[in-house]
């Protein structure tokens, strides 16, 4: 995206793009997306589902004229281990229990 400095847009230097492209070109798809370490195995779809919470690095503000900050939201994701499909997600301003 184009904008003025400080707008929060991300700019990559040409050398960064060349390095990223070379890294991706030299890796197979399996190398890029396979689990690392000792992956958890599942016998079939929905045999094992993992959930994770992550605080997002964005600020939510009220929809009023003064735009009071409400805080950073949490994203909770449920993933099927066998297929790696995202089964669902929940976005909330409240801390997960």
PDB file of N, CA and C in Angstrom:
ATOM      1  N   UNK A   1       0.835  -1.177   0.000  1.00  0.00           N
ATOM      2  CA  UNK A   1       0.000   0.000   0.000  1.00  0.00           C
ATOM      3  C   UNK A   1       0.878   1.238   0.000  1.00  0.00           C
ATOM      4  N   UNK A   2       0.373   2.277  -0.601  1.00  0.00           N
ATOM      5  CA  UNK A   2       1.089   3.536  -0.622  1.00  0.00           C
ATOM      6  C   UNK A   2       0.441   4.478   0.387  1.00  0.00           C
ATOM      7  N   UNK A   3       1.260   5.282   0.975  1.00  0.00           N
ATOM      8  CA  UNK A   3       0.753   6.263   1.921  1.00  0.00           C
ATOM      9  C   UNK A   3       1.903   7.101   2.416  1.00  0.00           C
ATOM     10  N   UNK A   4       1.636   7.907   3.377  1.00  0.00           N
ATOM     11  CA  UNK A   4       2.664   8.749   3.955  1.00  0.00           C
ATOM     12  C   UNK A   4       3.389   7.969   5.041  1.00  0.00           C
ATOM     13  N   UNK A   5       4.640   8.318   5.278  1.00  0.00           N
ATOM     14  CA  UNK A   5       5.412   7.658   6.337  1.00  0.00           C
ATOM     15  C   UNK A   5       4.665   7.807   7.654  1.00  0.00           C
ATOM     16  N   UNK A   6       4.572   6.740   8.394  1.00  0.00           N
ATOM     17  CA  UNK A   6       3.877   6.768   9.669  1.00  0.00           C
ATOM     18  C   UNK A   6       2.419   6.372   9.572  1.00  0.00           C
ATOM     19  N   UNK A   7       1.925   6.088   8.365  1.00  0.00           N
ATOM     20  CA  UNK A   7       0.532   5.667   8.196  1.00  0.00           C
ATOM     21  C   UNK A   7       0.309   4.246   8.694  1.00  0.00           C
ATOM     22  N   UNK A   8       1.388   3.513   8.957  1.00  0.00           N
ATOM     23  CA  UNK A   8       1.249   2.143   9.401  1.00  0.00           C
ATOM     24  C   UNK A   8       1.318   1.148   8.256  1.00  0.00           C
ATOM     25  N   UNK A   9       1.567   1.625   7.028  1.00  0.00           N
ATOM     26  CA  UNK A   9       1.680   0.686   5.915  1.00  0.00           C
ATOM     27  C   UNK A   9       3.060   0.051   5.928  1.00  0.00           C
ATOM     28  N   UNK A  10       3.171  -1.134   5.388  1.00  0.00           N
ATOM     29  CA  UNK A  10       4.410  -1.906   5.417  1.00  0.00           C
ATOM     30  C   UNK A  10       5.105  -1.763   4.076  1.00  0.00           C
ATOM     31  N   UNK A  11       6.382  -1.481   4.127  1.00  0.00           N
ATOM     32  CA  UNK A  11       7.162  -1.350   2.901  1.00  0.00           C
ATOM     33  C   UNK A  11       8.339  -2.316   2.980  1.00  0.00           C
ATOM     34  N   UNK A  12       8.554  -3.061   1.917  1.00  0.00           N
ATOM     35  CA  UNK A  12       9.682  -3.985   1.853  1.00  0.00           C
ATOM     36  C   UNK A  12      10.744  -3.412   0.940  1.00  0.00           C
ATOM     37  N   UNK A  13      11.983  -3.494   1.382  1.00  0.00           N
ATOM     38  CA  UNK A  13      13.089  -3.065   0.538  1.00  0.00           C
ATOM     39  C   UNK A  13      13.298  -4.100  -0.563  1.00  0.00           C
ATOM     40  N   UNK A  14      13.795  -3.691  -1.736  1.00  0.00           N
ATOM     41  CA  UNK A  14      14.024  -4.651  -2.826  1.00  0.00           C
ATOM     42  C   UNK A  14      14.882  -5.834  -2.405  1.00  0.00           C
ATOM     43  N   UNK A  15      15.901  -5.608  -1.558  1.00  0.00           N
ATOM     44  CA  UNK A  15      16.749  -6.727  -1.123  1.00  0.00           C
ATOM     45  C   UNK A  15      15.964  -7.727  -0.287  1.00  0.00           C
ATOM     46  N   UNK A  16      14.980  -7.255   0.492  1.00  0.00           N
ATOM     47  CA  UNK A  16      14.149  -8.146   1.298  1.00  0.00           C
ATOM     48  C   UNK A  16      13.273  -9.011   0.396  1.00  0.00           C
ATOM     49  N   UNK A  17      12.744  -8.417  -0.681  1.00  0.00           N
ATOM     50  CA  UNK A  17      11.910  -9.174  -1.611  1.00  0.00           C
ATOM     51  C   UNK A  17      12.716 -10.243  -2.329  1.00  0.00           C
ATOM     52  N   UNK A  18      13.927  -9.901  -2.732  1.00  0.00           N
ATOM     53  CA  UNK A  18      14.782 -10.877  -3.426  1.00  0.00           C
ATOM     54  C   UNK A  18      15.088 -12.052  -2.505  1.00  0.00           C
ATOM     55  N   UNK A  19      15.428 -11.780  -1.241  1.00  0.00           N
ATOM     56  CA  UNK A  19      15.728 -12.844  -0.280  1.00  0.00           C
ATOM     57  C   UNK A  19      14.512 -13.722  -0.049  1.00  0.00           C
ATOM     58  N   UNK A  20      13.344 -13.111   0.135  1.00  0.00           N
ATOM     59  CA  UNK A  20      12.119 -13.885   0.373  1.00  0.00           C
ATOM     60  C   UNK A  20      11.784 -14.737  -0.839  1.00  0.00           C
ATOM     61  N   UNK A  21      11.876 -14.184  -2.039  1.00  0.00           N
ATOM     62  CA  UNK A  21      11.578 -14.942  -3.250  1.00  0.00           C
ATOM     63  C   UNK A  21      12.547 -16.102  -3.437  1.00  0.00           C
ATOM     64  N   UNK A  22      13.824 -15.888  -3.177  1.00  0.00           N
ATOM     65  CA  UNK A  22      14.820 -16.955  -3.322  1.00  0.00           C
ATOM     66  C   UNK A  22      14.559 -18.067  -2.320  1.00  0.00           C
ATOM     67  N   UNK A  23      14.184 -17.709  -1.099  1.00  0.00           N
ATOM     68  CA  UNK A  23      13.903 -18.709  -0.069  1.00  0.00           C
ATOM     69  C   UNK A  23      12.703 -19.554  -0.464  1.00  0.00           C
ATOM     70  N   UNK A  24      11.646 -18.923  -0.925  1.00  0.00           N
ATOM     71  CA  UNK A  24      10.432 -19.655  -1.308  1.00  0.00           C
ATOM     72  C   UNK A  24      10.683 -20.512  -2.539  1.00  0.00           C
ATOM     73  N   UNK A  25      11.424 -19.987  -3.512  1.00  0.00           N
ATOM     74  CA  UNK A  25      11.692 -20.723  -4.744  1.00  0.00           C
ATOM     75  C   UNK A  25      12.518 -21.980  -4.480  1.00  0.00           C
ATOM     76  N   UNK A  26      13.389 -21.964  -3.469  1.00  0.00           N
ATOM     77  CA  UNK A  26      14.263 -23.094  -3.176  1.00  0.00           C
ATOM     78  C   UNK A  26      13.633 -24.116  -2.234  1.00  0.00           C
ATOM     79  N   UNK A  27      12.398 -23.908  -1.815  1.00  0.00           N
ATOM     80  CA  UNK A  27      11.708 -24.837  -0.914  1.00  0.00           C
ATOM     81  C   UNK A  27      10.524 -25.459  -1.641  1.00  0.00           C
ATOM     82  N   UNK A  28      10.289 -26.728  -1.336  1.00  0.00           N
ATOM     83  CA  UNK A  28       9.081 -27.356  -1.869  1.00  0.00           C
ATOM     84  C   UNK A  28       7.895 -26.933  -0.996  1.00  0.00           C
ATOM     85  N   UNK A  29       6.708 -27.112  -1.497  1.00  0.00           N
ATOM     86  CA  UNK A  29       5.508 -26.774  -0.733  1.00  0.00           C
ATOM     87  C   UNK A  29       5.471 -27.567   0.561  1.00  0.00           C
ATOM     88  N   UNK A  30       5.873 -28.829   0.495  1.00  0.00           N
ATOM     89  CA  UNK A  30       5.886 -29.672   1.687  1.00  0.00           C
ATOM     90  C   UNK A  30       6.831 -29.102   2.744  1.00  0.00           C
ATOM     91  N   UNK A  31       7.993 -28.592   2.321  1.00  0.00           N
ATOM     92  CA  UNK A  31       8.938 -28.017   3.270  1.00  0.00           C
ATOM     93  C   UNK A  31       8.367 -26.761   3.931  1.00  0.00           C
ATOM     94  N   UNK A  32       7.610 -25.980   3.171  1.00  0.00           N
ATOM     95  CA  UNK A  32       7.068 -24.736   3.710  1.00  0.00           C
ATOM     96  C   UNK A  32       5.942 -24.960   4.709  1.00  0.00           C
ATOM     97  N   UNK A  33       5.095 -25.998   4.487  1.00  0.00           N
ATOM     98  CA  UNK A  33       3.878 -26.125   5.272  1.00  0.00           C
ATOM     99  C   UNK A  33       3.800 -27.358   6.165  1.00  0.00           C
ATOM    100  N   UNK A  34       4.782 -28.228   6.153  1.00  0.00           N
ATOM    101  CA  UNK A  34       4.703 -29.424   6.995  1.00  0.00           C
ATOM    102  C   UNK A  34       5.036 -29.055   8.443  1.00  0.00           C
ATOM    103  N   UNK A  35       4.485 -29.778   9.405  1.00  0.00           N
ATOM    104  CA  UNK A  35       4.807 -29.517  10.807  1.00  0.00           C
ATOM    105  C   UNK A  35       6.266 -29.852  11.088  1.00  0.00           C
ATOM    106  N   UNK A  36       6.863 -29.131  11.993  1.00  0.00           N
ATOM    107  CA  UNK A  36       8.247 -29.373  12.380  1.00  0.00           C
ATOM    108  C   UNK A  36       8.272 -30.040  13.746  1.00  0.00           C
ATOM    109  N   UNK A  37       9.346 -30.761  14.047  1.00  0.00           N
ATOM    110  CA  UNK A  37       9.448 -31.469  15.313  1.00  0.00           C
ATOM    111  C   UNK A  37       8.695 -32.779  15.257  1.00  0.00           C
ATOM    112  N   UNK A  38       8.139 -33.193  16.380  1.00  0.00           N
ATOM    113  CA  UNK A  38       7.334 -34.414  16.459  1.00  0.00           C
ATOM    114  C   UNK A  38       5.858 -34.038  16.323  1.00  0.00           C
ATOM    115  N   UNK A  39       5.304 -34.111  15.122  1.00  0.00           N
ATOM    116  CA  UNK A  39       3.901 -33.707  14.958  1.00  0.00           C
ATOM    117  C   UNK A  39       2.953 -34.673  15.644  1.00  0.00           C
ATOM    118  N   UNK A  40       1.856 -34.130  16.121  1.00  0.00           N
ATOM    119  CA  UNK A  40       0.809 -34.946  16.727  1.00  0.00           C
ATOM    120  C   UNK A  40       0.045 -35.633  15.603  1.00  0.00           C
ATOM    121  N   UNK A  41      -0.190 -36.920  15.744  1.00  0.00           N
ATOM    122  CA  UNK A  41      -0.886 -37.695  14.719  1.00  0.00           C
ATOM    123  C   UNK A  41      -2.342 -37.915  15.131  1.00  0.00           C
ATOM    124  N   UNK A  42      -3.224 -37.896  14.146  1.00  0.00           N
ATOM    125  CA  UNK A  42      -4.636 -38.188  14.365  1.00  0.00           C
ATOM    126  C   UNK A  42      -5.039 -39.319  13.429  1.00  0.00           C
ATOM    127  N   UNK A  43      -5.957 -40.186  13.858  1.00  0.00           N
ATOM    128  CA  UNK A  43      -6.385 -41.350  13.071  1.00  0.00           C
ATOM    129  C   UNK A  43      -7.306 -40.984  11.916  1.00  0.00           C
ATOM    130  N   UNK A  44      -7.990 -39.876  12.000  1.00  0.00           N
ATOM    131  CA  UNK A  44      -8.918 -39.475  10.947  1.00  0.00           C
ATOM    132  C   UNK A  44      -9.471 -38.095  11.239  1.00  0.00           C
ATOM    133  N   UNK A  45     -10.304 -37.578  10.339  1.00  0.00           N
ATOM    134  CA  UNK A  45     -10.900 -36.264  10.558  1.00  0.00           C
ATOM    135  C   UNK A  45     -11.685 -36.208  11.858  1.00  0.00           C
ATOM    136  N   UNK A  46     -11.527 -35.133  12.583  1.00  0.00           N
ATOM    137  CA  UNK A  46     -12.205 -34.840  13.849  1.00  0.00           C
ATOM    138  C   UNK A  46     -11.824 -35.778  14.983  1.00  0.00           C
ATOM    139  N   UNK A  47     -10.802 -36.622  14.784  1.00  0.00           N
ATOM    140  CA  UNK A  47     -10.331 -37.474  15.873  1.00  0.00           C
ATOM    141  C   UNK A  47      -9.615 -36.644  16.929  1.00  0.00           C
ATOM    142  N   UNK A  48      -8.994 -35.550  16.498  1.00  0.00           N
ATOM    143  CA  UNK A  48      -8.265 -34.679  17.418  1.00  0.00           C
ATOM    144  C   UNK A  48      -8.358 -33.248  16.908  1.00  0.00           C
ATOM    145  N   UNK A  49      -8.833 -32.367  17.766  1.00  0.00           N
ATOM    146  CA  UNK A  49      -8.966 -30.953  17.423  1.00  0.00           C
ATOM    147  C   UNK A  49      -8.147 -30.154  18.426  1.00  0.00           C
ATOM    148  N   UNK A  50      -7.363 -29.223  17.925  1.00  0.00           N
ATOM    149  CA  UNK A  50      -6.582 -28.349  18.800  1.00  0.00           C
ATOM    150  C   UNK A  50      -7.162 -26.947  18.736  1.00  0.00           C
ATOM    151  N   UNK A  51      -7.104 -26.268  19.893  1.00  0.00           N
ATOM    152  CA  UNK A  51      -7.566 -24.881  19.962  1.00  0.00           C
ATOM    153  C   UNK A  51      -6.430 -24.029  20.483  1.00  0.00           C
ATOM    154  N   UNK A  52      -6.365 -22.813  19.986  1.00  0.00           N
ATOM    155  CA  UNK A  52      -5.334 -21.891  20.437  1.00  0.00           C
ATOM    156  C   UNK A  52      -5.912 -20.489  20.495  1.00  0.00           C
ATOM    157  N   UNK A  53      -5.393 -19.699  21.432  1.00  0.00           N
ATOM    158  CA  UNK A  53      -5.804 -18.305  21.593  1.00  0.00           C
ATOM    159  C   UNK A  53      -4.620 -17.413  21.230  1.00  0.00           C
ATOM    160  N   UNK A  54      -4.911 -16.279  20.629  1.00  0.00           N
ATOM    161  CA  UNK A  54      -3.850 -15.336  20.306  1.00  0.00           C
ATOM    162  C   UNK A  54      -4.402 -13.921  20.430  1.00  0.00           C
ATOM    163  N   UNK A  55      -3.658 -13.075  21.130  1.00  0.00           N
ATOM    164  CA  UNK A  55      -4.043 -11.664  21.217  1.00  0.00           C
ATOM    165  C   UNK A  55      -3.557 -10.978  19.948  1.00  0.00           C
ATOM    166  N   UNK A  56      -4.456 -10.299  19.265  1.00  0.00           N
ATOM    167  CA  UNK A  56      -4.123  -9.653  18.002  1.00  0.00           C
ATOM    168  C   UNK A  56      -3.478  -8.294  18.236  1.00  0.00           C
ATOM    169  N   UNK A  57      -2.565  -7.942  17.360  1.00  0.00           N
ATOM    170  CA  UNK A  57      -1.830  -6.695  17.508  1.00  0.00           C
ATOM    171  C   UNK A  57      -2.545  -5.562  16.769  1.00  0.00           C
ATOM    172  N   UNK A  58      -3.819  -5.388  17.099  1.00  0.00           N
ATOM    173  CA  UNK A  58      -4.617  -4.281  16.577  1.00  0.00           C
ATOM    174  C   UNK A  58      -5.403  -3.688  17.739  1.00  0.00           C
ATOM    175  N   UNK A  59      -5.773  -2.462  17.630  1.00  0.00           N
ATOM    176  CA  UNK A  59      -6.523  -1.799  18.685  1.00  0.00           C
ATOM    177  C   UNK A  59      -7.960  -1.597  18.219  1.00  0.00           C
ATOM    178  N   UNK A  60      -8.914  -2.014  19.041  1.00  0.00           N
ATOM    179  CA  UNK A  60     -10.328  -1.832  18.743  1.00  0.00           C
ATOM    180  C   UNK A  60     -10.778  -0.544  19.426  1.00  0.00           C
ATOM    181  N   UNK A  61     -11.514   0.289  18.665  1.00  0.00           N
ATOM    182  CA  UNK A  61     -12.007   1.547  19.223  1.00  0.00           C
ATOM    183  C   UNK A  61     -13.526   1.570  19.129  1.00  0.00           C
ATOM    184  N   UNK A  62     -14.145   2.371  19.996  1.00  0.00           N
ATOM    185  CA  UNK A  62     -15.602   2.510  19.995  1.00  0.00           C
ATOM    186  C   UNK A  62     -16.059   3.219  18.734  1.00  0.00           C
ATOM    187  N   UNK A  63     -17.266   2.883  18.298  1.00  0.00           N
ATOM    188  CA  UNK A  63     -17.846   3.501  17.110  1.00  0.00           C
ATOM    189  C   UNK A  63     -18.605   4.767  17.508  1.00  0.00           C
ATOM    190  N   UNK A  64     -17.896   5.691  18.113  1.00  0.00           N
ATOM    191  CA  UNK A  64     -18.474   6.969  18.510  1.00  0.00           C
ATOM    192  C   UNK A  64     -17.558   8.077  18.021  1.00  0.00           C
ATOM    193  N   UNK A  65     -17.952   9.307  18.222  1.00  0.00           N
ATOM    194  CA  UNK A  65     -17.164  10.439  17.743  1.00  0.00           C
ATOM    195  C   UNK A  65     -15.796  10.521  18.424  1.00  0.00           C
ATOM    196  N   UNK A  66     -15.722  10.139  19.718  1.00  0.00           N
ATOM    197  CA  UNK A  66     -14.435  10.260  20.429  1.00  0.00           C
ATOM    198  C   UNK A  66     -13.513   9.062  20.212  1.00  0.00           C
ATOM    199  N   UNK A  67     -14.031   7.950  19.635  1.00  0.00           N
ATOM    200  CA  UNK A  67     -13.227   6.777  19.278  1.00  0.00           C
ATOM    201  C   UNK A  67     -12.369   6.280  20.453  1.00  0.00           C
ATOM    202  N   UNK A  68     -13.002   6.093  21.601  1.00  0.00           N
ATOM    203  CA  UNK A  68     -12.302   5.591  22.792  1.00  0.00           C
ATOM    204  C   UNK A  68     -11.738   4.194  22.533  1.00  0.00           C
ATOM    205  N   UNK A  69     -10.474   3.941  22.901  1.00  0.00           N
ATOM    206  CA  UNK A  69      -9.909   2.594  22.720  1.00  0.00           C
ATOM    207  C   UNK A  69     -10.555   1.587  23.665  1.00  0.00           C
ATOM    208  N   UNK A  70     -10.848   0.386  23.141  1.00  0.00           N
ATOM    209  CA  UNK A  70     -11.456  -0.677  23.941  1.00  0.00           C
ATOM    210  C   UNK A  70     -10.444  -1.749  24.315  1.00  0.00           C
ATOM    211  N   UNK A  71      -9.337  -1.818  23.600  1.00  0.00           N
ATOM    212  CA  UNK A  71      -8.314  -2.814  23.881  1.00  0.00           C
ATOM    213  C   UNK A  71      -8.006  -3.649  22.662  1.00  0.00           C
ATOM    214  N   UNK A  72      -7.157  -4.651  22.871  1.00  0.00           N
ATOM    215  CA  UNK A  72      -6.758  -5.555  21.790  1.00  0.00           C
ATOM    216  C   UNK A  72      -7.610  -6.821  21.851  1.00  0.00           C
ATOM    217  N   UNK A  73      -8.142  -7.252  20.711  1.00  0.00           N
ATOM    218  CA  UNK A  73      -9.022  -8.431  20.709  1.00  0.00           C
ATOM    219  C   UNK A  73      -8.236  -9.742  20.771  1.00  0.00           C
ATOM    220  N   UNK A  74      -8.949 -10.803  21.140  1.00  0.00           N
ATOM    221  CA  UNK A  74      -8.406 -12.161  21.174  1.00  0.00           C
ATOM    222  C   UNK A  74      -9.023 -12.962  20.034  1.00  0.00           C
ATOM    223  N   UNK A  75      -8.216 -13.796  19.387  1.00  0.00           N
ATOM    224  CA  UNK A  75      -8.690 -14.711  18.359  1.00  0.00           C
ATOM    225  C   UNK A  75      -8.494 -16.129  18.877  1.00  0.00           C
ATOM    226  N   UNK A  76      -9.565 -16.917  18.888  1.00  0.00           N
ATOM    227  CA  UNK A  76      -9.508 -18.332  19.257  1.00  0.00           C
ATOM    228  C   UNK A  76      -9.816 -19.140  18.002  1.00  0.00           C
ATOM    229  N   UNK A  77      -8.957 -20.118  17.703  1.00  0.00           N
ATOM    230  CA  UNK A  77      -9.095 -20.920  16.491  1.00  0.00           C
ATOM    231  C   UNK A  77      -9.133 -22.393  16.871  1.00  0.00           C
ATOM    232  N   UNK A  78     -10.046 -23.168  16.243  1.00  0.00           N
ATOM    233  CA  UNK A  78     -10.113 -24.625  16.396  1.00  0.00           C
ATOM    234  C   UNK A  78      -9.652 -25.243  15.076  1.00  0.00           C
ATOM    235  N   UNK A  79      -8.640 -26.131  15.152  1.00  0.00           N
ATOM    236  CA  UNK A  79      -8.039 -26.732  13.954  1.00  0.00           C
ATOM    237  C   UNK A  79      -8.090 -28.253  14.058  1.00  0.00           C
ATOM    238  N   UNK A  80      -8.546 -28.910  12.989  1.00  0.00           N
ATOM    239  CA  UNK A  80      -8.537 -30.366  12.898  1.00  0.00           C
ATOM    240  C   UNK A  80      -7.102 -30.816  12.622  1.00  0.00           C
ATOM    241  N   UNK A  81      -6.539 -31.641  13.503  1.00  0.00           N
ATOM    242  CA  UNK A  81      -5.143 -32.058  13.375  1.00  0.00           C
ATOM    243  C   UNK A  81      -4.926 -32.907  12.124  1.00  0.00           C
ATOM    244  N   UNK A  82      -5.853 -33.771  11.783  1.00  0.00           N
ATOM    245  CA  UNK A  82      -5.698 -34.686  10.652  1.00  0.00           C
ATOM    246  C   UNK A  82      -5.647 -33.934   9.318  1.00  0.00           C
ATOM    247  N   UNK A  83      -6.582 -33.036   9.089  1.00  0.00           N
ATOM    248  CA  UNK A  83      -6.659 -32.336   7.801  1.00  0.00           C
ATOM    249  C   UNK A  83      -6.054 -30.933   7.833  1.00  0.00           C
ATOM    250  N   UNK A  84      -5.764 -30.437   9.036  1.00  0.00           N
ATOM    251  CA  UNK A  84      -5.277 -29.079   9.261  1.00  0.00           C
ATOM    252  C   UNK A  84      -6.292 -28.019   8.824  1.00  0.00           C
ATOM    253  N   UNK A  85      -7.548 -28.393   8.767  1.00  0.00           N
ATOM    254  CA  UNK A  85      -8.608 -27.455   8.393  1.00  0.00           C
ATOM    255  C   UNK A  85      -9.016 -26.634   9.613  1.00  0.00           C
ATOM    256  N   UNK A  86      -9.308 -25.367   9.381  1.00  0.00           N
ATOM    257  CA  UNK A  86      -9.832 -24.510  10.445  1.00  0.00           C
ATOM    258  C   UNK A  86     -11.316 -24.828  10.582  1.00  0.00           C
ATOM    259  N   UNK A  87     -11.699 -25.325  11.750  1.00  0.00           N
ATOM    260  CA  UNK A  87     -13.082 -25.720  11.998  1.00  0.00           C
ATOM    261  C   UNK A  87     -13.936 -24.548  12.463  1.00  0.00           C
ATOM    262  N   UNK A  88     -13.304 -23.593  13.089  1.00  0.00           N
ATOM    263  CA  UNK A  88     -14.050 -22.444  13.564  1.00  0.00           C
ATOM    264  C   UNK A  88     -13.130 -21.451  14.229  1.00  0.00           C
ATOM    265  N   UNK A  89     -13.648 -20.256  14.421  1.00  0.00           N
ATOM    266  CA  UNK A  89     -12.885 -19.230  15.142  1.00  0.00           C
ATOM    267  C   UNK A  89     -13.852 -18.355  15.919  1.00  0.00           C
ATOM    268  N   UNK A  90     -13.302 -17.683  16.920  1.00  0.00           N
ATOM    269  CA  UNK A  90     -14.090 -16.785  17.752  1.00  0.00           C
ATOM    270  C   UNK A  90     -13.248 -15.551  18.017  1.00  0.00           C
ATOM    271  N   UNK A  91     -13.788 -14.399  17.750  1.00  0.00           N
ATOM    272  CA  UNK A  91     -13.094 -13.131  17.948  1.00  0.00           C
ATOM    273  C   UNK A  91     -13.807 -12.371  19.055  1.00  0.00           C
ATOM    274  N   UNK A  92     -13.056 -11.980  20.089  1.00  0.00           N
ATOM    275  CA  UNK A  92     -13.679 -11.321  21.234  1.00  0.00           C
ATOM    276  C   UNK A  92     -12.715 -10.321  21.852  1.00  0.00           C
ATOM    277  N   UNK A  93     -13.267  -9.303  22.451  1.00  0.00           N
ATOM    278  CA  UNK A  93     -12.457  -8.327  23.185  1.00  0.00           C
ATOM    279  C   UNK A  93     -12.159  -8.829  24.604  1.00  0.00           C
ATOM    280  N   UNK A  94     -12.923  -9.841  25.050  1.00  0.00           N
ATOM    281  CA  UNK A  94     -12.739 -10.402  26.398  1.00  0.00           C
ATOM    282  C   UNK A  94     -11.633 -11.453  26.401  1.00  0.00           C
ATOM    283  N   UNK A  95     -10.913 -11.558  27.515  1.00  0.00           N
ATOM    284  CA  UNK A  95      -9.883 -12.576  27.651  1.00  0.00           C
ATOM    285  C   UNK A  95     -10.506 -13.967  27.591  1.00  0.00           C
ATOM    286  N   UNK A  96      -9.812 -14.929  26.951  1.00  0.00           N
ATOM    287  CA  UNK A  96     -10.357 -16.301  26.900  1.00  0.00           C
ATOM    288  C   UNK A  96     -10.314 -16.940  28.285  1.00  0.00           C
ATOM    289  N   UNK A  97     -11.252 -17.820  28.542  1.00  0.00           N
ATOM    290  CA  UNK A  97     -11.292 -18.539  29.834  1.00  0.00           C
ATOM    291  C   UNK A  97     -10.543 -19.835  29.740  1.00  0.00           C
TER     292      UNK A  97
END
